[in-house]
PDB file of all heavy atoms in Angstrom:
ATOM      1  N   LEU A   1     110.830  46.578 100.032  1.00  0.00           N
ATOM      2  CA  LEU A   1     110.920  45.698  98.882  1.00  0.00           C
ATOM      3  C   LEU A   1     111.690  46.396  97.771  1.00  0.00           C
ATOM      4  O   LEU A   1     111.577  47.612  97.586  1.00  0.00           O
ATOM      5  CB  LEU A   1     109.535  45.320  98.374  1.00  0.00           C
ATOM      6  CG  LEU A   1     108.572  44.698  99.381  1.00  0.00           C
ATOM      7  CD1 LEU A   1     107.283  44.297  98.682  1.00  0.00           C
ATOM      8  CD2 LEU A   1     109.215  43.507 100.075  1.00  0.00           C
ATOM      9  N   SER A   2     112.464  45.625  97.024  1.00  0.00           N
ATOM     10  CA  SER A   2     113.217  46.149  95.892  1.00  0.00           C
ATOM     11  C   SER A   2     112.784  45.450  94.617  1.00  0.00           C
ATOM     12  O   SER A   2     112.405  44.281  94.639  1.00  0.00           O
ATOM     13  CB  SER A   2     114.717  45.943  96.100  1.00  0.00           C
ATOM     14  OG  SER A   2     115.179  46.628  97.244  1.00  0.00           O
ATOM     15  N   CYS A   3     112.843  46.177  93.522  1.00  0.00           N
ATOM     16  CA  CYS A   3     112.545  45.629  92.208  1.00  0.00           C
ATOM     17  C   CYS A   3     113.713  45.959  91.295  1.00  0.00           C
ATOM     18  O   CYS A   3     113.926  47.127  90.955  1.00  0.00           O
ATOM     19  CB  CYS A   3     111.243  46.219  91.665  1.00  0.00           C
ATOM     20  SG  CYS A   3     110.813  45.718  89.988  1.00  0.00           S
ATOM     21  N   ALA A   4     114.471  44.951  90.919  1.00  0.00           N
ATOM     22  CA  ALA A   4     115.593  45.122  90.007  1.00  0.00           C
ATOM     23  C   ALA A   4     115.106  44.907  88.582  1.00  0.00           C
ATOM     24  O   ALA A   4     114.421  43.923  88.303  1.00  0.00           O
ATOM     25  CB  ALA A   4     116.707  44.138  90.347  1.00  0.00           C
ATOM     26  N   THR A   5     115.456  45.827  87.694  1.00  0.00           N
ATOM     27  CA  THR A   5     114.986  45.756  86.317  1.00  0.00           C
ATOM     28  C   THR A   5     116.148  45.637  85.351  1.00  0.00           C
ATOM     29  O   THR A   5     117.261  46.086  85.629  1.00  0.00           O
ATOM     30  CB  THR A   5     114.147  46.989  85.935  1.00  0.00           C
ATOM     31  OG1 THR A   5     115.001  48.133  85.789  1.00  0.00           O
ATOM     32  CG2 THR A   5     113.101  47.281  86.996  1.00  0.00           C
ATOM     33  N   SER A   6     115.883  45.039  84.212  1.00  0.00           N
ATOM     34  CA  SER A   6     116.869  44.928  83.150  1.00  0.00           C
ATOM     35  C   SER A   6     116.143  44.921  81.811  1.00  0.00           C
ATOM     36  O   SER A   6     114.939  44.691  81.744  1.00  0.00           O
ATOM     37  CB  SER A   6     117.726  43.674  83.306  1.00  0.00           C
ATOM     38  OG  SER A   6     116.931  42.504  83.246  1.00  0.00           O
ATOM     39  N   GLY A   7     116.880  45.182  80.739  1.00  0.00           N
ATOM     40  CA  GLY A   7     116.280  45.257  79.422  1.00  0.00           C
ATOM     41  C   GLY A   7     116.188  46.701  78.970  1.00  0.00           C
ATOM     42  O   GLY A   7     117.196  47.405  78.953  1.00  0.00           O
ATOM     43  N   ARG A   8     114.989  47.156  78.641  1.00  0.00           N
ATOM     44  CA  ARG A   8     114.795  48.526  78.202  1.00  0.00           C
ATOM     45  C   ARG A   8     115.007  49.514  79.338  1.00  0.00           C
ATOM     46  O   ARG A   8     114.897  49.160  80.508  1.00  0.00           O
ATOM     47  CB  ARG A   8     113.398  48.699  77.604  1.00  0.00           C
ATOM     48  CG  ARG A   8     113.167  47.872  76.350  1.00  0.00           C
ATOM     49  CD  ARG A   8     114.023  48.391  75.201  1.00  0.00           C
ATOM     50  NE  ARG A   8     113.880  47.545  74.014  1.00  0.00           N
ATOM     51  CZ  ARG A   8     114.696  46.546  73.704  1.00  0.00           C
ATOM     52  NH1 ARG A   8     115.724  46.257  74.489  1.00  0.00           N
ATOM     53  NH2 ARG A   8     114.482  45.843  72.604  1.00  0.00           N
ATOM     54  N   THR A   9     115.294  50.759  78.981  1.00  0.00           N
ATOM     55  CA  THR A   9     115.573  51.804  79.964  1.00  0.00           C
ATOM     56  C   THR A   9     114.403  51.978  80.918  1.00  0.00           C
ATOM     57  O   THR A   9     113.266  52.163  80.495  1.00  0.00           O
ATOM     58  CB  THR A   9     115.868  53.124  79.250  1.00  0.00           C
ATOM     59  OG1 THR A   9     116.940  52.942  78.319  1.00  0.00           O
ATOM     60  CG2 THR A   9     116.249  54.202  80.244  1.00  0.00           C
ATOM     61  N   LEU A  10     114.699  51.924  82.222  1.00  0.00           N
ATOM     62  CA  LEU A  10     113.651  51.997  83.235  1.00  0.00           C
ATOM     63  C   LEU A  10     112.854  53.288  83.141  1.00  0.00           C
ATOM     64  O   LEU A  10     111.648  53.291  83.395  1.00  0.00           O
ATOM     65  CB  LEU A  10     114.263  51.848  84.629  1.00  0.00           C
ATOM     66  CG  LEU A  10     113.287  51.935  85.802  1.00  0.00           C
ATOM     67  CD1 LEU A  10     112.225  50.856  85.702  1.00  0.00           C
ATOM     68  CD2 LEU A  10     114.046  51.854  87.119  1.00  0.00           C
ATOM     69  N   SER A  11     113.495  54.393  82.778  1.00  0.00           N
ATOM     70  CA  SER A  11     112.819  55.682  82.722  1.00  0.00           C
ATOM     71  C   SER A  11     111.679  55.718  81.710  1.00  0.00           C
ATOM     72  O   SER A  11     110.850  56.630  81.749  1.00  0.00           O
ATOM     73  CB  SER A  11     113.819  56.795  82.415  1.00  0.00           C
ATOM     74  OG  SER A  11     114.421  56.600  81.142  1.00  0.00           O
ATOM     75  N   MET A  12     111.601  54.753  80.823  1.00  0.00           N
ATOM     76  CA  MET A  12     110.537  54.691  79.827  1.00  0.00           C
ATOM     77  C   MET A  12     109.210  54.218  80.410  1.00  0.00           C
ATOM     78  O   MET A  12     108.171  54.357  79.758  1.00  0.00           O
ATOM     79  CB  MET A  12     110.926  53.754  78.684  1.00  0.00           C
ATOM     80  CG  MET A  12     112.118  54.209  77.873  1.00  0.00           C
ATOM     81  SD  MET A  12     112.584  52.983  76.619  1.00  0.00           S
ATOM     82  CE  MET A  12     111.096  52.903  75.632  1.00  0.00           C
ATOM     83  N   TYR A  13     109.224  53.663  81.618  1.00  0.00           N
ATOM     84  CA  TYR A  13     108.045  53.004  82.174  1.00  0.00           C
ATOM     85  C   TYR A  13     107.518  53.652  83.436  1.00  0.00           C
ATOM     86  O   TYR A  13     108.269  54.159  84.268  1.00  0.00           O
ATOM     87  CB  TYR A  13     108.370  51.542  82.491  1.00  0.00           C
ATOM     88  CG  TYR A  13     108.774  50.730  81.296  1.00  0.00           C
ATOM     89  CD1 TYR A  13     110.115  50.511  81.007  1.00  0.00           C
ATOM     90  CD2 TYR A  13     107.812  50.189  80.460  1.00  0.00           C
ATOM     91  CE1 TYR A  13     110.487  49.768  79.901  1.00  0.00           C
ATOM     92  CE2 TYR A  13     108.181  49.441  79.354  1.00  0.00           C
ATOM     93  CZ  TYR A  13     109.512  49.233  79.082  1.00  0.00           C
ATOM     94  OH  TYR A  13     109.885  48.492  77.987  1.00  0.00           O
ATOM     95  N   ALA A  14     106.190  53.606  83.572  1.00  0.00           N
ATOM     96  CA  ALA A  14     105.565  53.796  84.861  1.00  0.00           C
ATOM     97  C   ALA A  14     105.625  52.461  85.599  1.00  0.00           C
ATOM     98  O   ALA A  14     105.535  51.397  84.982  1.00  0.00           O
ATOM     99  CB  ALA A  14     104.113  54.241  84.700  1.00  0.00           C
ATOM    100  N   MET A  15     105.789  52.509  86.916  1.00  0.00           N
ATOM    101  CA  MET A  15     105.947  51.298  87.703  1.00  0.00           C
ATOM    102  C   MET A  15     104.862  51.190  88.764  1.00  0.00           C
ATOM    103  O   MET A  15     104.537  52.171  89.433  1.00  0.00           O
ATOM    104  CB  MET A  15     107.318  51.275  88.381  1.00  0.00           C
ATOM    105  CG  MET A  15     108.495  51.388  87.418  1.00  0.00           C
ATOM    106  SD  MET A  15     108.612  49.984  86.279  1.00  0.00           S
ATOM    107  CE  MET A  15     108.932  48.642  87.430  1.00  0.00           C
ATOM    108  N   GLY A  16     104.326  50.004  88.907  1.00  0.00           N
ATOM    109  CA  GLY A  16     103.305  49.763  89.915  1.00  0.00           C
ATOM    110  C   GLY A  16     103.699  48.642  90.848  1.00  0.00           C
ATOM    111  O   GLY A  16     104.477  47.755  90.484  1.00  0.00           O
ATOM    112  N   TRP A  17     103.176  48.704  92.069  1.00  0.00           N
ATOM    113  CA  TRP A  17     103.272  47.601  93.013  1.00  0.00           C
ATOM    114  C   TRP A  17     101.867  47.041  93.213  1.00  0.00           C
ATOM    115  O   TRP A  17     100.935  47.789  93.510  1.00  0.00           O
ATOM    116  CB  TRP A  17     103.857  48.045  94.356  1.00  0.00           C
ATOM    117  CG  TRP A  17     105.339  48.286  94.312  1.00  0.00           C
ATOM    118  CD1 TRP A  17     105.983  49.471  94.134  1.00  0.00           C
ATOM    119  CD2 TRP A  17     106.362  47.295  94.457  1.00  0.00           C
ATOM    120  NE1 TRP A  17     107.342  49.288  94.154  1.00  0.00           N
ATOM    121  CE2 TRP A  17     107.604  47.953  94.354  1.00  0.00           C
ATOM    122  CE3 TRP A  17     106.354  45.910  94.668  1.00  0.00           C
ATOM    123  CZ2 TRP A  17     108.825  47.278  94.448  1.00  0.00           C
ATOM    124  CZ3 TRP A  17     107.560  45.240  94.763  1.00  0.00           C
ATOM    125  CH2 TRP A  17     108.774  45.927  94.648  1.00  0.00           C
ATOM    126  N   ILE A  18     101.727  45.739  93.030  1.00  0.00           N
ATOM    127  CA  ILE A  18     100.448  45.049  93.124  1.00  0.00           C
ATOM    128  C   ILE A  18     100.618  43.883  94.075  1.00  0.00           C
ATOM    129  O   ILE A  18     101.657  43.231  94.078  1.00  0.00           O
ATOM    130  CB  ILE A  18      99.984  44.557  91.731  1.00  0.00           C
ATOM    131  CG1 ILE A  18      99.708  45.735  90.794  1.00  0.00           C
ATOM    132  CG2 ILE A  18      98.750  43.676  91.847  1.00  0.00           C
ATOM    133  CD1 ILE A  18     100.896  46.138  89.943  1.00  0.00           C
ATOM    134  N   ARG A  19      99.609  43.596  94.898  1.00  0.00           N
ATOM    135  CA  ARG A  19      99.699  42.488  95.839  1.00  0.00           C
ATOM    136  C   ARG A  19      98.522  41.538  95.669  1.00  0.00           C
ATOM    137  O   ARG A  19      97.463  41.912  95.182  1.00  0.00           O
ATOM    138  CB  ARG A  19      99.762  42.986  97.281  1.00  0.00           C
ATOM    139  CG  ARG A  19      98.502  43.684  97.775  1.00  0.00           C
ATOM    140  CD  ARG A  19      98.745  44.305  99.146  1.00  0.00           C
ATOM    141  NE  ARG A  19      97.559  44.965  99.663  1.00  0.00           N
ATOM    142  CZ  ARG A  19      97.548  45.704 100.768  1.00  0.00           C
ATOM    143  NH1 ARG A  19      98.666  45.877 101.472  1.00  0.00           N
ATOM    144  NH2 ARG A  19      96.415  46.272 101.174  1.00  0.00           N
ATOM    145  N   GLN A  20      98.731  40.290  96.095  1.00  0.00           N
ATOM    146  CA  GLN A  20      97.689  39.287  96.037  1.00  0.00           C
ATOM    147  C   GLN A  20      97.723  38.457  97.312  1.00  0.00           C
ATOM    148  O   GLN A  20      98.699  37.756  97.583  1.00  0.00           O
ATOM    149  CB  GLN A  20      97.845  38.382  94.819  1.00  0.00           C
ATOM    150  CG  GLN A  20      96.705  37.396  94.644  1.00  0.00           C
ATOM    151  CD  GLN A  20      96.744  36.687  93.307  1.00  0.00           C
ATOM    152  OE1 GLN A  20      97.818  36.428  92.765  1.00  0.00           O
ATOM    153  NE2 GLN A  20      95.579  36.381  92.773  1.00  0.00           N
ATOM    154  N   ALA A  21      96.651  38.542  98.085  1.00  0.00           N
ATOM    155  CA  ALA A  21      96.494  37.730  99.284  1.00  0.00           C
ATOM    156  C   ALA A  21      95.866  36.395  98.904  1.00  0.00           C
ATOM    157  O   ALA A  21      95.182  36.294  97.878  1.00  0.00           O
ATOM    158  CB  ALA A  21      95.625  38.460 100.309  1.00  0.00           C
ATOM    159  N   PRO A  22      96.062  35.352  99.714  1.00  0.00           N
ATOM    160  CA  PRO A  22      95.482  34.040  99.397  1.00  0.00           C
ATOM    161  C   PRO A  22      93.973  34.114  99.202  1.00  0.00           C
ATOM    162  O   PRO A  22      93.257  34.684 100.024  1.00  0.00           O
ATOM    163  CB  PRO A  22      95.839  33.190 100.616  1.00  0.00           C
ATOM    164  CG  PRO A  22      97.078  33.825 101.155  1.00  0.00           C
ATOM    165  CD  PRO A  22      96.882  35.301 100.935  1.00  0.00           C
ATOM    166  N   GLY A  23      93.486  33.550  98.101  1.00  0.00           N
ATOM    167  CA  GLY A  23      92.061  33.521  97.822  1.00  0.00           C
ATOM    168  C   GLY A  23      91.476  34.814  97.304  1.00  0.00           C
ATOM    169  O   GLY A  23      90.258  34.888  97.099  1.00  0.00           O
ATOM    170  N   LYS A  24      92.298  35.833  97.090  1.00  0.00           N
ATOM    171  CA  LYS A  24      91.810  37.121  96.617  1.00  0.00           C
ATOM    172  C   LYS A  24      92.421  37.475  95.265  1.00  0.00           C
ATOM    173  O   LYS A  24      93.432  36.917  94.862  1.00  0.00           O
ATOM    174  CB  LYS A  24      92.122  38.225  97.632  1.00  0.00           C
ATOM    175  CG  LYS A  24      91.411  38.079  98.962  1.00  0.00           C
ATOM    176  CD  LYS A  24      91.656  39.282  99.845  1.00  0.00           C
ATOM    177  CE  LYS A  24      90.896  39.188 101.144  1.00  0.00           C
ATOM    178  NZ  LYS A  24      91.127  40.386 101.999  1.00  0.00           N
ATOM    179  N   GLU A  25      91.782  38.418  94.576  1.00  0.00           N
ATOM    180  CA  GLU A  25      92.304  38.908  93.307  1.00  0.00           C
ATOM    181  C   GLU A  25      93.479  39.846  93.544  1.00  0.00           C
ATOM    182  O   GLU A  25      93.660  40.380  94.633  1.00  0.00           O
ATOM    183  CB  GLU A  25      91.213  39.635  92.522  1.00  0.00           C
ATOM    184  CG  GLU A  25      90.062  38.751  92.098  1.00  0.00           C
ATOM    185  CD  GLU A  25      89.048  39.489  91.254  1.00  0.00           C
ATOM    186  OE1 GLU A  25      89.096  40.734  91.215  1.00  0.00           O
ATOM    187  OE2 GLU A  25      88.212  38.829  90.622  1.00  0.00           O
TER     188      GLU A  25
END
C-alpha cells in the first residue's frame, strides 16, 4: 500500500496505518 501526502512537510509527522474490518472498530 502507498500513501501519497501533500501540504505540510512529511518529515514533520509520525505516520500510522490503521485498518477497519466490517462491523469492527
